[in-house]
């Protein structure tokens, strides 16, 4: 019985950060990333702290703006407009989710597309679909790097994406299409899901349901990218894929944690330097 190759996201992310730091050092001015954090969500605070630490290690200047959970839409928009005009700031990251009284679509639309390092602005989404250069979402970009660390030429392979979110599922499918994969996108209404998964040369799971994808859903030799991160009642972190079962069938698989997560922050640093280079 073969054991799948473990795709080491930490090591690949460290290598990317090193290349990003070298690129940042060549720029005439230090790249700047502004992070806006609204409210007191504990997970968001952890994410923001990790991003600021990554900035320090990569030669990127960070600007943190913490706003109260009851900030008005007008005041949040005013903060975004200030950062749009600030020449020291090359990237703006609005930490999501926002409190329920704030519309995330309105806020994302207010960000200058040239500073949209999350790649969520419709202009950048459109550029991705059109095959034009732009700033694209970090987690799918990181996932593509993990896939290519296993197989450089993925043209013609059948890729199955579980999930259709704007932040991950949709851009992931577009990136795989751009790499000449044949792509099937699945979601909560998809019929014969297990059968579709069994046909995947590349399976990317991002549905937020712990160990939902079972061991008999995989094609032998598949590359599995598990984007999910779920905390169980016993405090263990698991992905959307049954890792133990998948490891006996797959060619390569990402662990949770230590797979996709580190790549997201490394790609955020890369997007910030890219924005500063434009």
C-alpha atoms as a PDB file:
ATOM      1  CA  UNK A   1       0.000   0.000   0.000  1.00  0.00           C
ATOM      2  CA  UNK A   2       1.506   3.321  -1.082  1.00  0.00           C
ATOM      3  CA  UNK A   3       1.561   6.357   1.158  1.00  0.00           C
ATOM      4  CA  UNK A   4       0.905   9.738  -0.443  1.00  0.00           C
ATOM      5  CA  UNK A   5       3.576  12.403  -0.694  1.00  0.00           C
ATOM      6  CA  UNK A   6       2.964  15.094   1.914  1.00  0.00           C
ATOM      7  CA  UNK A   7       2.885  18.528   0.287  1.00  0.00           C
ATOM      8  CA  UNK A   8       4.793  20.746   2.720  1.00  0.00           C
ATOM      9  CA  UNK A   9       3.065  24.133   2.569  1.00  0.00           C
ATOM     10  CA  UNK A  10       5.315  25.578   5.257  1.00  0.00           C
ATOM     11  CA  UNK A  11       8.502  24.882   3.298  1.00  0.00           C
ATOM     12  CA  UNK A  12       7.054  26.055  -0.033  1.00  0.00           C
ATOM     13  CA  UNK A  13       5.695  29.221   1.607  1.00  0.00           C
ATOM     14  CA  UNK A  14       9.094  29.927   3.204  1.00  0.00           C
ATOM     15  CA  UNK A  15      10.759  29.663  -0.202  1.00  0.00           C
ATOM     16  CA  UNK A  16       8.181  32.029  -1.721  1.00  0.00           C
ATOM     17  CA  UNK A  17       8.632  34.557   1.101  1.00  0.00           C
ATOM     18  CA  UNK A  18      12.379  34.509   0.494  1.00  0.00           C
ATOM     19  CA  UNK A  19      11.860  35.307  -3.198  1.00  0.00           C
ATOM     20  CA  UNK A  20       9.363  38.031  -2.313  1.00  0.00           C
ATOM     21  CA  UNK A  21      11.807  39.602   0.160  1.00  0.00           C
ATOM     22  CA  UNK A  22      14.489  39.669  -2.536  1.00  0.00           C
ATOM     23  CA  UNK A  23      12.061  41.338  -4.963  1.00  0.00           C
ATOM     24  CA  UNK A  24      10.973  43.868  -2.315  1.00  0.00           C
ATOM     25  CA  UNK A  25      14.597  44.813  -1.659  1.00  0.00           C
ATOM     26  CA  UNK A  26      15.068  45.820  -5.300  1.00  0.00           C
ATOM     27  CA  UNK A  27      12.204  48.343  -5.310  1.00  0.00           C
ATOM     28  CA  UNK A  28      12.949  52.081  -5.002  1.00  0.00           C
ATOM     29  CA  UNK A  29      10.551  52.384  -2.054  1.00  0.00           C
ATOM     30  CA  UNK A  30       9.481  49.932   0.630  1.00  0.00           C
ATOM     31  CA  UNK A  31       6.203  48.186  -0.230  1.00  0.00           C
ATOM     32  CA  UNK A  32       3.374  48.998   2.168  1.00  0.00           C
ATOM     33  CA  UNK A  33       0.400  46.861   3.240  1.00  0.00           C
ATOM     34  CA  UNK A  34      -2.496  48.394   5.158  1.00  0.00           C
ATOM     35  CA  UNK A  35      -4.765  46.053   7.118  1.00  0.00           C
ATOM     36  CA  UNK A  36      -8.213  47.145   8.285  1.00  0.00           C
ATOM     37  CA  UNK A  37      -9.640  45.097  11.161  1.00  0.00           C
ATOM     38  CA  UNK A  38     -13.212  45.788  12.245  1.00  0.00           C
ATOM     39  CA  UNK A  39     -14.449  44.402  15.569  1.00  0.00           C
ATOM     40  CA  UNK A  40     -13.107  41.805  17.979  1.00  0.00           C
ATOM     41  CA  UNK A  41     -13.402  38.478  16.165  1.00  0.00           C
ATOM     42  CA  UNK A  42     -10.627  36.341  17.758  1.00  0.00           C
ATOM     43  CA  UNK A  43      -9.807  34.410  14.564  1.00  0.00           C
ATOM     44  CA  UNK A  44      -9.506  37.652  12.599  1.00  0.00           C
ATOM     45  CA  UNK A  45      -7.101  39.055  15.195  1.00  0.00           C
ATOM     46  CA  UNK A  46      -4.903  35.943  14.860  1.00  0.00           C
ATOM     47  CA  UNK A  47      -4.911  36.205  11.059  1.00  0.00           C
ATOM     48  CA  UNK A  48      -4.007  39.890  11.142  1.00  0.00           C
ATOM     49  CA  UNK A  49      -1.196  39.322  13.648  1.00  0.00           C
ATOM     50  CA  UNK A  50       0.246  36.589  11.412  1.00  0.00           C
ATOM     51  CA  UNK A  51       0.070  38.861   8.379  1.00  0.00           C
ATOM     52  CA  UNK A  52       1.853  41.706  10.174  1.00  0.00           C
ATOM     53  CA  UNK A  53       4.576  39.304  11.341  1.00  0.00           C
ATOM     54  CA  UNK A  54       4.995  38.098   7.754  1.00  0.00           C
ATOM     55  CA  UNK A  55       5.373  41.718   6.596  1.00  0.00           C
ATOM     56  CA  UNK A  56       8.202  42.276   9.060  1.00  0.00           C
ATOM     57  CA  UNK A  57      10.031  39.179   7.813  1.00  0.00           C
ATOM     58  CA  UNK A  58       9.570  40.081   4.149  1.00  0.00           C
ATOM     59  CA  UNK A  59      10.636  43.714   4.140  1.00  0.00           C
ATOM     60  CA  UNK A  60       7.108  45.108   3.799  1.00  0.00           C
ATOM     61  CA  UNK A  61       5.928  48.058   5.861  1.00  0.00           C
ATOM     62  CA  UNK A  62       2.617  47.337   7.605  1.00  0.00           C
ATOM     63  CA  UNK A  63      -0.090  49.805   8.619  1.00  0.00           C
ATOM     64  CA  UNK A  64      -2.735  48.451  10.975  1.00  0.00           C
ATOM     65  CA  UNK A  65      -6.108  50.172  11.385  1.00  0.00           C
ATOM     66  CA  UNK A  66      -8.406  48.774  14.066  1.00  0.00           C
ATOM     67  CA  UNK A  67     -11.998  49.986  14.056  1.00  0.00           C
ATOM     68  CA  UNK A  68     -14.766  49.245  16.554  1.00  0.00           C
ATOM     69  CA  UNK A  69     -17.433  46.657  15.749  1.00  0.00           C
ATOM     70  CA  UNK A  70     -20.079  49.384  15.588  1.00  0.00           C
ATOM     71  CA  UNK A  71     -18.185  51.618  13.142  1.00  0.00           C
ATOM     72  CA  UNK A  72     -20.510  53.190  10.594  1.00  0.00           C
ATOM     73  CA  UNK A  73     -20.361  52.340   6.898  1.00  0.00           C
ATOM     74  CA  UNK A  74     -19.531  55.983   6.215  1.00  0.00           C
ATOM     75  CA  UNK A  75     -16.525  55.937   8.558  1.00  0.00           C
ATOM     76  CA  UNK A  76     -15.215  52.651   7.168  1.00  0.00           C
ATOM     77  CA  UNK A  77     -15.530  53.969   3.614  1.00  0.00           C
ATOM     78  CA  UNK A  78     -13.703  57.128   4.676  1.00  0.00           C
ATOM     79  CA  UNK A  79     -10.816  55.003   6.022  1.00  0.00           C
ATOM     80  CA  UNK A  80     -10.626  53.061   2.755  1.00  0.00           C
ATOM     81  CA  UNK A  81     -10.547  56.273   0.716  1.00  0.00           C
ATOM     82  CA  UNK A  82      -7.713  57.636   2.895  1.00  0.00           C
ATOM     83  CA  UNK A  83      -5.664  54.496   2.232  1.00  0.00           C
ATOM     84  CA  UNK A  84      -6.474  54.619  -1.488  1.00  0.00           C
ATOM     85  CA  UNK A  85      -4.833  58.055  -1.583  1.00  0.00           C
ATOM     86  CA  UNK A  86      -1.854  57.180   0.667  1.00  0.00           C
ATOM     87  CA  UNK A  87       1.239  56.741  -1.539  1.00  0.00           C
ATOM     88  CA  UNK A  88       2.995  54.703   1.173  1.00  0.00           C
ATOM     89  CA  UNK A  89       0.263  52.053   0.892  1.00  0.00           C
ATOM     90  CA  UNK A  90       0.477  49.695  -2.102  1.00  0.00           C
ATOM     91  CA  UNK A  91      -1.925  47.053  -0.804  1.00  0.00           C
ATOM     92  CA  UNK A  92      -5.142  47.269   1.207  1.00  0.00           C
ATOM     93  CA  UNK A  93      -6.481  44.228   3.042  1.00  0.00           C
ATOM     94  CA  UNK A  94      -9.955  44.465   4.561  1.00  0.00           C
ATOM     95  CA  UNK A  95     -10.178  41.561   7.011  1.00  0.00           C
ATOM     96  CA  UNK A  96     -13.394  39.609   6.507  1.00  0.00           C
ATOM     97  CA  UNK A  97     -15.952  38.807   7.819  1.00  0.00           C
ATOM     98  CA  UNK A  98     -17.334  42.222   8.728  1.00  0.00           C
ATOM     99  CA  UNK A  99     -20.027  42.908  11.349  1.00  0.00           C
ATOM    100  CA  UNK A 100     -23.513  42.251   9.974  1.00  0.00           C
ATOM    101  CA  UNK A 101     -24.440  45.931   9.537  1.00  0.00           C
ATOM    102  CA  UNK A 102     -21.617  46.455   7.022  1.00  0.00           C
ATOM    103  CA  UNK A 103     -21.983  45.259   3.425  1.00  0.00           C
ATOM    104  CA  UNK A 104     -18.702  43.604   2.341  1.00  0.00           C
ATOM    105  CA  UNK A 105     -19.466  44.099  -1.362  1.00  0.00           C
ATOM    106  CA  UNK A 106     -19.785  47.858  -0.901  1.00  0.00           C
ATOM    107  CA  UNK A 107     -16.495  47.998   0.977  1.00  0.00           C
ATOM    108  CA  UNK A 108     -14.576  45.849  -1.506  1.00  0.00           C
ATOM    109  CA  UNK A 109     -15.854  47.995  -4.384  1.00  0.00           C
ATOM    110  CA  UNK A 110     -14.444  51.060  -2.616  1.00  0.00           C
ATOM    111  CA  UNK A 111     -10.876  49.667  -2.604  1.00  0.00           C
ATOM    112  CA  UNK A 112      -8.639  50.868  -5.440  1.00  0.00           C
ATOM    113  CA  UNK A 113      -8.332  47.776  -7.724  1.00  0.00           C
ATOM    114  CA  UNK A 114      -4.580  48.464  -8.024  1.00  0.00           C
ATOM    115  CA  UNK A 115      -4.317  48.024  -4.217  1.00  0.00           C
ATOM    116  CA  UNK A 116      -6.769  45.109  -3.950  1.00  0.00           C
ATOM    117  CA  UNK A 117      -4.285  42.485  -2.713  1.00  0.00           C
ATOM    118  CA  UNK A 118      -7.135  40.108  -1.807  1.00  0.00           C
ATOM    119  CA  UNK A 119      -8.151  40.029  -5.472  1.00  0.00           C
ATOM    120  CA  UNK A 120     -11.855  40.475  -4.684  1.00  0.00           C
ATOM    121  CA  UNK A 121     -12.649  43.613  -6.659  1.00  0.00           C
ATOM    122  CA  UNK A 122     -14.820  42.809  -9.722  1.00  0.00           C
ATOM    123  CA  UNK A 123     -12.204  44.421 -11.967  1.00  0.00           C
ATOM    124  CA  UNK A 124      -9.553  41.951 -10.800  1.00  0.00           C
ATOM    125  CA  UNK A 125     -12.039  39.063 -10.951  1.00  0.00           C
ATOM    126  CA  UNK A 126     -12.798  40.036 -14.542  1.00  0.00           C
ATOM    127  CA  UNK A 127      -9.110  40.217 -15.409  1.00  0.00           C
ATOM    128  CA  UNK A 128      -8.647  36.689 -14.086  1.00  0.00           C
ATOM    129  CA  UNK A 129     -11.499  35.393 -16.264  1.00  0.00           C
ATOM    130  CA  UNK A 130     -10.152  37.287 -19.298  1.00  0.00           C
ATOM    131  CA  UNK A 131      -6.625  35.971 -18.813  1.00  0.00           C
ATOM    132  CA  UNK A 132      -5.219  39.431 -18.166  1.00  0.00           C
ATOM    133  CA  UNK A 133      -2.638  40.328 -15.491  1.00  0.00           C
ATOM    134  CA  UNK A 134      -4.004  41.563 -12.178  1.00  0.00           C
ATOM    135  CA  UNK A 135      -4.169  40.922  -8.437  1.00  0.00           C
ATOM    136  CA  UNK A 136      -5.833  37.586  -7.720  1.00  0.00           C
ATOM    137  CA  UNK A 137      -7.021  35.832  -4.526  1.00  0.00           C
ATOM    138  CA  UNK A 138      -4.172  34.505  -2.417  1.00  0.00           C
ATOM    139  CA  UNK A 139      -5.476  31.096  -1.332  1.00  0.00           C
ATOM    140  CA  UNK A 140      -6.144  29.768  -4.849  1.00  0.00           C
ATOM    141  CA  UNK A 141      -2.819  31.199  -6.049  1.00  0.00           C
ATOM    142  CA  UNK A 142      -1.101  29.379  -3.199  1.00  0.00           C
ATOM    143  CA  UNK A 143      -2.996  26.201  -4.027  1.00  0.00           C
ATOM    144  CA  UNK A 144      -1.785  26.371  -7.629  1.00  0.00           C
ATOM    145  CA  UNK A 145       1.813  26.589  -6.402  1.00  0.00           C
ATOM    146  CA  UNK A 146       1.249  23.516  -4.221  1.00  0.00           C
ATOM    147  CA  UNK A 147      -0.207  21.583  -7.164  1.00  0.00           C
ATOM    148  CA  UNK A 148       2.734  22.543  -9.386  1.00  0.00           C
ATOM    149  CA  UNK A 149       5.190  21.475  -6.700  1.00  0.00           C
ATOM    150  CA  UNK A 150       3.945  17.947  -7.405  1.00  0.00           C
ATOM    151  CA  UNK A 151       3.233  18.164 -11.148  1.00  0.00           C
ATOM    152  CA  UNK A 152       4.517  21.050 -13.256  1.00  0.00           C
ATOM    153  CA  UNK A 153       2.528  20.189 -16.395  1.00  0.00           C
ATOM    154  CA  UNK A 154      -1.147  19.786 -15.468  1.00  0.00           C
ATOM    155  CA  UNK A 155      -2.541  20.481 -18.950  1.00  0.00           C
ATOM    156  CA  UNK A 156      -5.331  18.076 -19.833  1.00  0.00           C
ATOM    157  CA  UNK A 157      -5.799  16.758 -16.289  1.00  0.00           C
ATOM    158  CA  UNK A 158      -9.300  16.612 -14.827  1.00  0.00           C
ATOM    159  CA  UNK A 159      -9.547  18.986 -11.862  1.00  0.00           C
ATOM    160  CA  UNK A 160     -12.548  18.901  -9.518  1.00  0.00           C
ATOM    161  CA  UNK A 161     -13.171  21.901  -7.258  1.00  0.00           C
ATOM    162  CA  UNK A 162     -15.523  21.414  -4.308  1.00  0.00           C
ATOM    163  CA  UNK A 163     -16.896  24.861  -3.511  1.00  0.00           C
ATOM    164  CA  UNK A 164     -17.918  27.959  -5.464  1.00  0.00           C
ATOM    165  CA  UNK A 165     -17.151  30.882  -3.166  1.00  0.00           C
ATOM    166  CA  UNK A 166     -16.006  34.203  -4.571  1.00  0.00           C
ATOM    167  CA  UNK A 167     -12.920  34.131  -2.355  1.00  0.00           C
ATOM    168  CA  UNK A 168     -11.765  30.658  -3.340  1.00  0.00           C
ATOM    169  CA  UNK A 169     -13.881  28.254  -5.390  1.00  0.00           C
ATOM    170  CA  UNK A 170     -14.584  30.442  -8.413  1.00  0.00           C
ATOM    171  CA  UNK A 171     -11.051  31.874  -8.829  1.00  0.00           C
ATOM    172  CA  UNK A 172      -9.563  28.402  -8.208  1.00  0.00           C
ATOM    173  CA  UNK A 173     -11.563  26.998 -11.107  1.00  0.00           C
ATOM    174  CA  UNK A 174     -10.481  29.888 -13.340  1.00  0.00           C
ATOM    175  CA  UNK A 175      -6.795  29.366 -12.505  1.00  0.00           C
ATOM    176  CA  UNK A 176      -7.054  25.656 -13.271  1.00  0.00           C
ATOM    177  CA  UNK A 177      -8.774  26.458 -16.572  1.00  0.00           C
ATOM    178  CA  UNK A 178      -5.978  28.897 -17.406  1.00  0.00           C
ATOM    179  CA  UNK A 179      -3.527  26.026 -16.807  1.00  0.00           C
ATOM    180  CA  UNK A 180      -5.428  23.977 -19.438  1.00  0.00           C
ATOM    181  CA  UNK A 181      -7.083  21.604 -16.988  1.00  0.00           C
ATOM    182  CA  UNK A 182     -10.562  20.261 -17.666  1.00  0.00           C
ATOM    183  CA  UNK A 183     -12.482  21.616 -14.689  1.00  0.00           C
ATOM    184  CA  UNK A 184     -15.620  20.421 -12.917  1.00  0.00           C
ATOM    185  CA  UNK A 185     -16.969  22.734 -10.199  1.00  0.00           C
ATOM    186  CA  UNK A 186     -19.135  21.128  -7.531  1.00  0.00           C
ATOM    187  CA  UNK A 187     -21.327  22.613  -4.802  1.00  0.00           C
ATOM    188  CA  UNK A 188     -24.084  21.728  -2.330  1.00  0.00           C
ATOM    189  CA  UNK A 189     -26.600  20.948  -5.103  1.00  0.00           C
ATOM    190  CA  UNK A 190     -24.262  18.732  -7.156  1.00  0.00           C
ATOM    191  CA  UNK A 191     -25.578  15.215  -7.816  1.00  0.00           C
ATOM    192  CA  UNK A 192     -23.341  12.111  -7.826  1.00  0.00           C
ATOM    193  CA  UNK A 193     -20.619  14.027  -5.973  1.00  0.00           C
ATOM    194  CA  UNK A 194     -18.622  10.961  -4.947  1.00  0.00           C
ATOM    195  CA  UNK A 195     -18.606   9.668  -8.526  1.00  0.00           C
ATOM    196  CA  UNK A 196     -17.349  13.017  -9.839  1.00  0.00           C
ATOM    197  CA  UNK A 197     -14.599  13.120  -7.222  1.00  0.00           C
ATOM    198  CA  UNK A 198     -13.441   9.629  -8.226  1.00  0.00           C
ATOM    199  CA  UNK A 199     -12.725  10.942 -11.724  1.00  0.00           C
ATOM    200  CA  UNK A 200     -10.435  13.754 -10.509  1.00  0.00           C
ATOM    201  CA  UNK A 201      -6.716  13.825 -11.249  1.00  0.00           C
ATOM    202  CA  UNK A 202      -6.647  16.944  -9.033  1.00  0.00           C
ATOM    203  CA  UNK A 203      -9.181  17.335  -6.249  1.00  0.00           C
ATOM    204  CA  UNK A 204      -9.475  20.653  -4.409  1.00  0.00           C
ATOM    205  CA  UNK A 205     -11.804  20.697  -1.393  1.00  0.00           C
ATOM    206  CA  UNK A 206     -13.064  23.959   0.104  1.00  0.00           C
ATOM    207  CA  UNK A 207     -16.491  23.387   1.624  1.00  0.00           C
ATOM    208  CA  UNK A 208     -15.936  23.889   5.369  1.00  0.00           C
ATOM    209  CA  UNK A 209     -17.247  20.487   6.490  1.00  0.00           C
ATOM    210  CA  UNK A 210     -14.857  18.354   8.556  1.00  0.00           C
ATOM    211  CA  UNK A 211     -13.649  15.195   6.809  1.00  0.00           C
ATOM    212  CA  UNK A 212     -16.627  15.322   4.437  1.00  0.00           C
ATOM    213  CA  UNK A 213     -14.688  13.852   1.500  1.00  0.00           C
ATOM    214  CA  UNK A 214     -14.381  10.131   2.242  1.00  0.00           C
ATOM    215  CA  UNK A 215     -11.570   7.706   1.482  1.00  0.00           C
ATOM    216  CA  UNK A 216     -13.401   5.891  -1.314  1.00  0.00           C
ATOM    217  CA  UNK A 217     -14.035   9.153  -3.213  1.00  0.00           C
ATOM    218  CA  UNK A 218     -10.502   9.389  -4.614  1.00  0.00           C
ATOM    219  CA  UNK A 219      -8.935   8.275  -7.847  1.00  0.00           C
ATOM    220  CA  UNK A 220      -5.701   6.384  -7.150  1.00  0.00           C
ATOM    221  CA  UNK A 221      -2.771   8.704  -7.808  1.00  0.00           C
ATOM    222  CA  UNK A 222      -4.775  11.929  -7.453  1.00  0.00           C
ATOM    223  CA  UNK A 223      -3.315  15.194  -6.159  1.00  0.00           C
ATOM    224  CA  UNK A 224      -5.454  16.396  -3.239  1.00  0.00           C
ATOM    225  CA  UNK A 225      -5.497  19.989  -2.007  1.00  0.00           C
ATOM    226  CA  UNK A 226      -7.455  20.350   1.245  1.00  0.00           C
ATOM    227  CA  UNK A 227      -8.345  23.996   1.858  1.00  0.00           C
ATOM    228  CA  UNK A 228     -10.700  23.346   4.777  1.00  0.00           C
ATOM    229  CA  UNK A 229      -9.717  23.958   8.364  1.00  0.00           C
ATOM    230  CA  UNK A 230     -12.233  22.821  10.961  1.00  0.00           C
ATOM    231  CA  UNK A 231     -11.904  22.612  14.741  1.00  0.00           C
ATOM    232  CA  UNK A 232     -13.517  19.533  16.286  1.00  0.00           C
ATOM    233  CA  UNK A 233     -15.003  19.241  19.780  1.00  0.00           C
ATOM    234  CA  UNK A 234     -11.778  17.631  21.014  1.00  0.00           C
ATOM    235  CA  UNK A 235      -9.910  20.751  19.754  1.00  0.00           C
ATOM    236  CA  UNK A 236      -8.236  18.924  16.852  1.00  0.00           C
ATOM    237  CA  UNK A 237      -7.911  20.742  13.534  1.00  0.00           C
ATOM    238  CA  UNK A 238      -8.956  18.733  10.485  1.00  0.00           C
ATOM    239  CA  UNK A 239      -9.588  19.501   6.847  1.00  0.00           C
ATOM    240  CA  UNK A 240     -12.522  18.779   4.562  1.00  0.00           C
ATOM    241  CA  UNK A 241     -10.866  15.520   3.476  1.00  0.00           C
ATOM    242  CA  UNK A 242     -10.506  12.259   5.409  1.00  0.00           C
ATOM    243  CA  UNK A 243      -6.729  12.597   5.509  1.00  0.00           C
ATOM    244  CA  UNK A 244      -5.872   9.117   6.826  1.00  0.00           C
ATOM    245  CA  UNK A 245      -7.918   7.355   4.167  1.00  0.00           C
ATOM    246  CA  UNK A 246      -6.876   9.691   1.351  1.00  0.00           C
ATOM    247  CA  UNK A 247      -3.189   9.244   2.175  1.00  0.00           C
ATOM    248  CA  UNK A 248      -3.449   5.558   1.237  1.00  0.00           C
ATOM    249  CA  UNK A 249      -4.788   6.329  -2.249  1.00  0.00           C
ATOM    250  CA  UNK A 250      -3.502   9.734  -3.377  1.00  0.00           C
ATOM    251  CA  UNK A 251      -0.234  10.565  -5.087  1.00  0.00           C
ATOM    252  CA  UNK A 252       0.136  13.698  -2.947  1.00  0.00           C
ATOM    253  CA  UNK A 253      -1.944  15.527  -0.328  1.00  0.00           C
ATOM    254  CA  UNK A 254      -1.758  18.692   1.768  1.00  0.00           C
ATOM    255  CA  UNK A 255      -1.874  18.334   5.552  1.00  0.00           C
ATOM    256  CA  UNK A 256      -4.150  20.387   7.819  1.00  0.00           C
ATOM    257  CA  UNK A 257      -2.678  22.445   9.319  1.00  0.00           C
ATOM    258  CA  UNK A 258       0.561  23.172   7.460  1.00  0.00           C
ATOM    259  CA  UNK A 259      -0.646  22.867   3.893  1.00  0.00           C
ATOM    260  CA  UNK A 260      -2.623  25.621   2.209  1.00  0.00           C
ATOM    261  CA  UNK A 261      -2.693  28.025   5.180  1.00  0.00           C
ATOM    262  CA  UNK A 262       0.951  29.196   5.076  1.00  0.00           C
ATOM    263  CA  UNK A 263       0.653  29.748   1.315  1.00  0.00           C
ATOM    264  CA  UNK A 264      -2.178  32.253   1.711  1.00  0.00           C
ATOM    265  CA  UNK A 265      -0.059  34.678   3.715  1.00  0.00           C
ATOM    266  CA  UNK A 266       3.006  34.161   1.509  1.00  0.00           C
ATOM    267  CA  UNK A 267       0.903  34.967  -1.586  1.00  0.00           C
ATOM    268  CA  UNK A 268      -0.466  38.060   0.165  1.00  0.00           C
ATOM    269  CA  UNK A 269       3.116  39.265   0.569  1.00  0.00           C
ATOM    270  CA  UNK A 270       3.743  38.491  -3.123  1.00  0.00           C
ATOM    271  CA  UNK A 271       0.636  40.437  -4.158  1.00  0.00           C
ATOM    272  CA  UNK A 272       1.744  43.438  -2.092  1.00  0.00           C
ATOM    273  CA  UNK A 273       5.164  43.510  -3.778  1.00  0.00           C
ATOM    274  CA  UNK A 274       3.471  42.997  -7.151  1.00  0.00           C
ATOM    275  CA  UNK A 275       1.169  45.969  -6.476  1.00  0.00           C
ATOM    276  CA  UNK A 276       4.183  48.082  -5.476  1.00  0.00           C
ATOM    277  CA  UNK A 277       5.914  47.162  -8.740  1.00  0.00           C
ATOM    278  CA  UNK A 278       3.078  48.329 -10.997  1.00  0.00           C
END
